[in-house]
């Protein structure tokens, strides 16, 4: 019996992908509503979106900002985690 190593690697990768997607679906089973969650919040709200984010597209940040009166929207260059490199964004508690 012979094994095709390339096919074995592809099957392993596919198995990990399926397991990962299933895990994410289990973890994120709730349909969270940011607008509802912030509806009674009286403090300042700043929403930051990354222009080239492929995980959470910037259109979500823009829509959230449009739905939260008085919120401030900041769009930064880069992708999903690029904001954390080179101290481009600083998180502070006023």
N, C-alpha and C. Protein backbone atom coordinates (compact mmCIF):
# COMPACT_ATOMS: atom_id res chain seq x y z
N UNK A 1 0.84 -1.17 0.00
CA UNK A 1 0.00 0.00 0.00
C UNK A 1 0.90 1.24 0.00
N UNK A 2 0.63 2.18 -0.87
CA UNK A 2 1.43 3.41 -0.92
C UNK A 2 0.55 4.60 -0.59
N UNK A 3 1.19 5.63 -0.03
CA UNK A 3 0.47 6.84 0.35
C UNK A 3 0.97 8.00 -0.48
N UNK A 4 0.06 8.83 -0.89
CA UNK A 4 0.39 10.07 -1.57
C UNK A 4 0.56 11.13 -0.47
N UNK A 5 1.81 11.49 -0.20
CA UNK A 5 2.11 12.44 0.88
C UNK A 5 1.39 13.77 0.67
N UNK A 6 1.39 14.27 -0.56
CA UNK A 6 0.73 15.55 -0.83
C UNK A 6 -0.77 15.45 -0.52
N UNK A 7 -1.39 14.35 -0.91
CA UNK A 7 -2.81 14.18 -0.64
C UNK A 7 -3.05 14.03 0.87
N UNK A 8 -2.16 13.34 1.56
CA UNK A 8 -2.28 13.19 3.02
C UNK A 8 -2.22 14.55 3.69
N UNK A 9 -1.28 15.41 3.26
CA UNK A 9 -1.18 16.76 3.83
C UNK A 9 -2.45 17.56 3.55
N UNK A 10 -2.99 17.43 2.36
CA UNK A 10 -4.22 18.15 2.02
C UNK A 10 -5.39 17.67 2.88
N UNK A 11 -5.47 16.38 3.13
CA UNK A 11 -6.55 15.84 3.96
C UNK A 11 -6.41 16.31 5.41
N UNK A 12 -5.19 16.34 5.89
CA UNK A 12 -4.95 16.84 7.26
C UNK A 12 -5.33 18.31 7.34
N UNK A 13 -4.91 19.09 6.36
CA UNK A 13 -5.22 20.52 6.35
C UNK A 13 -6.74 20.73 6.29
N UNK A 14 -7.42 19.95 5.47
CA UNK A 14 -8.88 20.07 5.36
C UNK A 14 -9.55 19.71 6.68
N UNK A 15 -9.03 18.70 7.36
CA UNK A 15 -9.59 18.30 8.66
C UNK A 15 -9.44 19.42 9.67
N UNK A 16 -8.26 20.05 9.70
CA UNK A 16 -8.04 21.17 10.62
C UNK A 16 -8.96 22.34 10.28
N UNK A 17 -9.16 22.61 9.02
CA UNK A 17 -10.04 23.70 8.61
C UNK A 17 -11.46 23.44 9.06
N UNK A 18 -11.95 22.24 8.84
CA UNK A 18 -13.31 21.90 9.25
C UNK A 18 -13.45 22.00 10.77
N UNK A 19 -12.46 21.49 11.49
CA UNK A 19 -12.50 21.56 12.96
C UNK A 19 -12.47 23.01 13.43
N UNK A 20 -11.66 23.85 12.78
CA UNK A 20 -11.56 25.26 13.17
C UNK A 20 -12.87 25.99 12.93
N UNK A 21 -13.47 25.78 11.77
CA UNK A 21 -14.74 26.43 11.45
C UNK A 21 -15.82 25.99 12.42
N UNK A 22 -15.84 24.71 12.74
CA UNK A 22 -16.83 24.20 13.69
C UNK A 22 -16.63 24.82 15.06
N UNK A 23 -15.39 24.92 15.51
CA UNK A 23 -15.10 25.52 16.81
C UNK A 23 -15.53 26.99 16.84
N UNK A 24 -15.20 27.73 15.80
CA UNK A 24 -15.59 29.14 15.74
C UNK A 24 -17.10 29.28 15.78
N UNK A 25 -17.81 28.43 15.05
CA UNK A 25 -19.28 28.49 15.07
C UNK A 25 -19.84 28.20 16.45
N UNK A 26 -19.21 27.28 17.18
CA UNK A 26 -19.67 26.98 18.54
C UNK A 26 -19.42 28.16 19.47
N UNK A 27 -18.25 28.77 19.34
CA UNK A 27 -17.89 29.89 20.20
C UNK A 27 -18.73 31.12 19.89
N UNK A 28 -18.96 31.36 18.61
CA UNK A 28 -19.69 32.56 18.17
C UNK A 28 -21.15 32.26 17.84
N UNK A 29 -21.77 31.40 18.62
CA UNK A 29 -23.13 31.01 18.30
C UNK A 29 -24.14 32.12 18.59
N UNK A 30 -23.78 33.08 19.45
CA UNK A 30 -24.67 34.19 19.73
C UNK A 30 -24.60 35.22 18.62
N UNK A 31 -25.73 35.83 18.34
CA UNK A 31 -25.79 36.89 17.34
C UNK A 31 -25.72 38.22 18.08
N UNK A 32 -24.49 38.65 18.42
CA UNK A 32 -24.27 39.85 19.22
C UNK A 32 -24.66 41.10 18.45
N UNK A 33 -25.33 42.01 19.11
CA UNK A 33 -25.77 43.26 18.51
C UNK A 33 -25.06 44.42 19.20
N UNK A 34 -24.02 44.96 18.56
CA UNK A 34 -23.25 46.07 19.14
C UNK A 34 -24.10 47.31 19.35
N UNK A 35 -24.99 47.59 18.43
CA UNK A 35 -25.82 48.79 18.55
C UNK A 35 -26.71 48.68 19.78
N UNK A 36 -27.34 47.54 19.97
CA UNK A 36 -28.19 47.34 21.15
C UNK A 36 -27.36 47.38 22.43
N UNK A 37 -26.17 46.78 22.39
CA UNK A 37 -25.32 46.75 23.58
C UNK A 37 -24.88 48.16 24.00
N UNK A 38 -24.73 49.06 23.03
CA UNK A 38 -24.28 50.43 23.34
C UNK A 38 -25.42 51.43 23.45
N UNK A 39 -26.65 50.98 23.27
CA UNK A 39 -27.78 51.90 23.20
C UNK A 39 -27.98 52.74 24.46
N UNK A 40 -27.67 52.24 25.62
CA UNK A 40 -27.84 53.00 26.87
C UNK A 40 -26.53 53.54 27.43
N UNK A 41 -25.43 53.34 26.70
CA UNK A 41 -24.13 53.82 27.16
C UNK A 41 -24.05 55.33 26.95
N UNK A 42 -23.69 56.05 28.00
CA UNK A 42 -23.66 57.53 27.93
C UNK A 42 -22.27 58.10 27.71
N UNK A 43 -21.24 57.28 27.76
CA UNK A 43 -19.88 57.78 27.59
C UNK A 43 -19.49 57.91 26.13
N UNK A 44 -18.27 58.40 25.88
CA UNK A 44 -17.80 58.55 24.51
C UNK A 44 -17.53 57.18 23.87
N UNK A 45 -17.82 57.07 22.60
CA UNK A 45 -17.60 55.83 21.85
C UNK A 45 -16.71 56.14 20.65
N UNK A 46 -15.56 55.49 20.59
CA UNK A 46 -14.69 55.62 19.42
C UNK A 46 -14.60 54.26 18.75
N UNK A 47 -14.88 54.23 17.47
CA UNK A 47 -14.87 53.01 16.70
C UNK A 47 -13.69 53.08 15.74
N UNK A 48 -12.87 52.04 15.77
CA UNK A 48 -11.68 52.00 14.93
C UNK A 48 -11.81 50.86 13.95
N UNK A 49 -11.64 51.18 12.67
CA UNK A 49 -11.66 50.17 11.61
C UNK A 49 -10.35 50.22 10.84
N UNK A 50 -9.93 49.08 10.35
CA UNK A 50 -8.70 49.02 9.54
C UNK A 50 -9.09 48.91 8.07
N UNK A 51 -8.54 49.79 7.27
CA UNK A 51 -8.90 49.91 5.86
C UNK A 51 -8.81 48.58 5.09
N UNK A 52 -7.79 47.78 5.37
CA UNK A 52 -7.58 46.54 4.62
C UNK A 52 -7.86 45.29 5.44
N UNK A 53 -8.74 45.41 6.42
CA UNK A 53 -9.09 44.28 7.28
C UNK A 53 -9.92 43.28 6.48
N UNK A 54 -9.43 42.05 6.40
CA UNK A 54 -10.16 41.01 5.69
C UNK A 54 -10.92 40.10 6.65
N UNK A 55 -10.72 40.28 7.96
CA UNK A 55 -11.44 39.49 8.96
C UNK A 55 -12.75 40.19 9.33
N UNK A 56 -12.64 41.47 9.67
CA UNK A 56 -13.83 42.29 9.94
C UNK A 56 -13.74 43.49 9.00
N UNK A 57 -14.40 43.43 7.87
CA UNK A 57 -14.29 44.51 6.88
C UNK A 57 -14.65 45.88 7.47
N UNK A 58 -13.97 46.91 6.99
CA UNK A 58 -14.13 48.26 7.50
C UNK A 58 -15.58 48.75 7.36
N UNK A 59 -16.34 48.18 6.46
CA UNK A 59 -17.74 48.60 6.30
C UNK A 59 -18.53 48.35 7.58
N UNK A 60 -18.12 47.37 8.39
CA UNK A 60 -18.80 47.11 9.66
C UNK A 60 -18.55 48.24 10.64
N UNK A 61 -17.33 48.74 10.70
CA UNK A 61 -17.01 49.87 11.58
C UNK A 61 -17.78 51.12 11.13
N UNK A 62 -17.85 51.34 9.83
CA UNK A 62 -18.58 52.50 9.31
C UNK A 62 -20.06 52.41 9.63
N UNK A 63 -20.64 51.22 9.48
CA UNK A 63 -22.07 51.03 9.78
C UNK A 63 -22.35 51.21 11.27
N UNK A 64 -21.46 50.69 12.10
CA UNK A 64 -21.62 50.84 13.55
C UNK A 64 -21.54 52.31 13.95
N UNK A 65 -20.58 53.02 13.40
CA UNK A 65 -20.44 54.45 13.71
C UNK A 65 -21.67 55.23 13.27
N UNK A 66 -22.22 54.88 12.13
CA UNK A 66 -23.41 55.56 11.64
C UNK A 66 -24.62 55.29 12.54
N UNK A 67 -24.63 54.16 13.21
CA UNK A 67 -25.77 53.77 14.05
C UNK A 67 -25.65 54.26 15.49
N UNK A 68 -24.48 54.74 15.89
CA UNK A 68 -24.27 55.21 17.26
C UNK A 68 -24.13 56.74 17.25
N UNK A 69 -25.16 57.45 17.65
CA UNK A 69 -25.10 58.92 17.63
C UNK A 69 -23.94 59.44 18.48
N UNK A 70 -23.18 60.38 17.91
CA UNK A 70 -22.09 61.01 18.62
C UNK A 70 -20.80 60.20 18.66
N UNK A 71 -20.79 59.04 18.04
CA UNK A 71 -19.56 58.23 18.05
C UNK A 71 -18.51 58.85 17.13
N UNK A 72 -17.27 58.51 17.40
CA UNK A 72 -16.16 58.97 16.57
C UNK A 72 -15.61 57.78 15.81
N UNK A 73 -15.47 57.90 14.50
CA UNK A 73 -14.94 56.83 13.66
C UNK A 73 -13.53 57.18 13.23
N UNK A 74 -12.61 56.24 13.45
CA UNK A 74 -11.22 56.39 13.00
C UNK A 74 -10.90 55.20 12.11
N UNK A 75 -10.45 55.49 10.90
CA UNK A 75 -10.03 54.45 9.97
C UNK A 75 -8.52 54.50 9.88
N UNK A 76 -7.87 53.37 10.14
CA UNK A 76 -6.41 53.31 10.09
C UNK A 76 -5.98 52.47 8.89
N UNK A 77 -4.76 52.70 8.44
CA UNK A 77 -4.20 51.89 7.36
C UNK A 77 -3.91 50.49 7.88
N UNK A 78 -3.84 49.55 6.98
CA UNK A 78 -3.42 48.21 7.35
C UNK A 78 -4.57 47.23 7.44
N UNK A 79 -4.24 46.07 8.01
CA UNK A 79 -5.19 44.98 8.11
C UNK A 79 -5.64 44.73 9.54
N UNK A 80 -6.14 43.54 9.78
CA UNK A 80 -6.81 43.19 11.03
C UNK A 80 -5.96 43.42 12.28
N UNK A 81 -4.73 42.98 12.28
CA UNK A 81 -3.88 43.13 13.47
C UNK A 81 -2.75 44.13 13.28
N UNK A 82 -2.70 44.81 12.16
CA UNK A 82 -1.60 45.73 11.89
C UNK A 82 -1.55 46.90 12.86
N UNK A 83 -2.67 47.28 13.46
CA UNK A 83 -2.72 48.41 14.38
C UNK A 83 -1.81 48.18 15.58
N UNK A 84 -1.56 46.94 15.93
CA UNK A 84 -0.78 46.66 17.14
C UNK A 84 0.72 46.73 16.92
N UNK A 85 1.14 46.83 15.67
CA UNK A 85 2.57 46.89 15.36
C UNK A 85 3.05 48.33 15.42
N UNK A 86 4.26 48.51 15.85
CA UNK A 86 4.93 49.81 15.84
C UNK A 86 4.18 50.89 16.61
N UNK A 87 3.37 50.50 17.58
CA UNK A 87 2.65 51.46 18.44
C UNK A 87 1.83 52.45 17.63
N UNK A 88 1.22 52.01 16.54
CA UNK A 88 0.43 52.90 15.70
C UNK A 88 -0.86 53.35 16.36
N UNK A 89 -1.41 52.52 17.25
CA UNK A 89 -2.61 52.88 17.99
C UNK A 89 -2.32 52.63 19.46
N UNK A 90 -2.63 53.59 20.28
CA UNK A 90 -2.41 53.43 21.72
C UNK A 90 -3.77 53.37 22.40
N UNK A 91 -3.94 52.35 23.24
CA UNK A 91 -5.18 52.21 24.01
C UNK A 91 -4.94 52.89 25.34
N UNK A 92 -5.84 53.79 25.71
CA UNK A 92 -5.67 54.51 26.97
C UNK A 92 -7.02 54.63 27.67
N UNK A 93 -6.96 54.86 28.95
CA UNK A 93 -8.15 55.08 29.74
C UNK A 93 -8.09 56.52 30.22
N UNK A 94 -8.96 57.37 29.68
CA UNK A 94 -8.86 58.81 30.00
C UNK A 94 -8.98 59.10 31.41
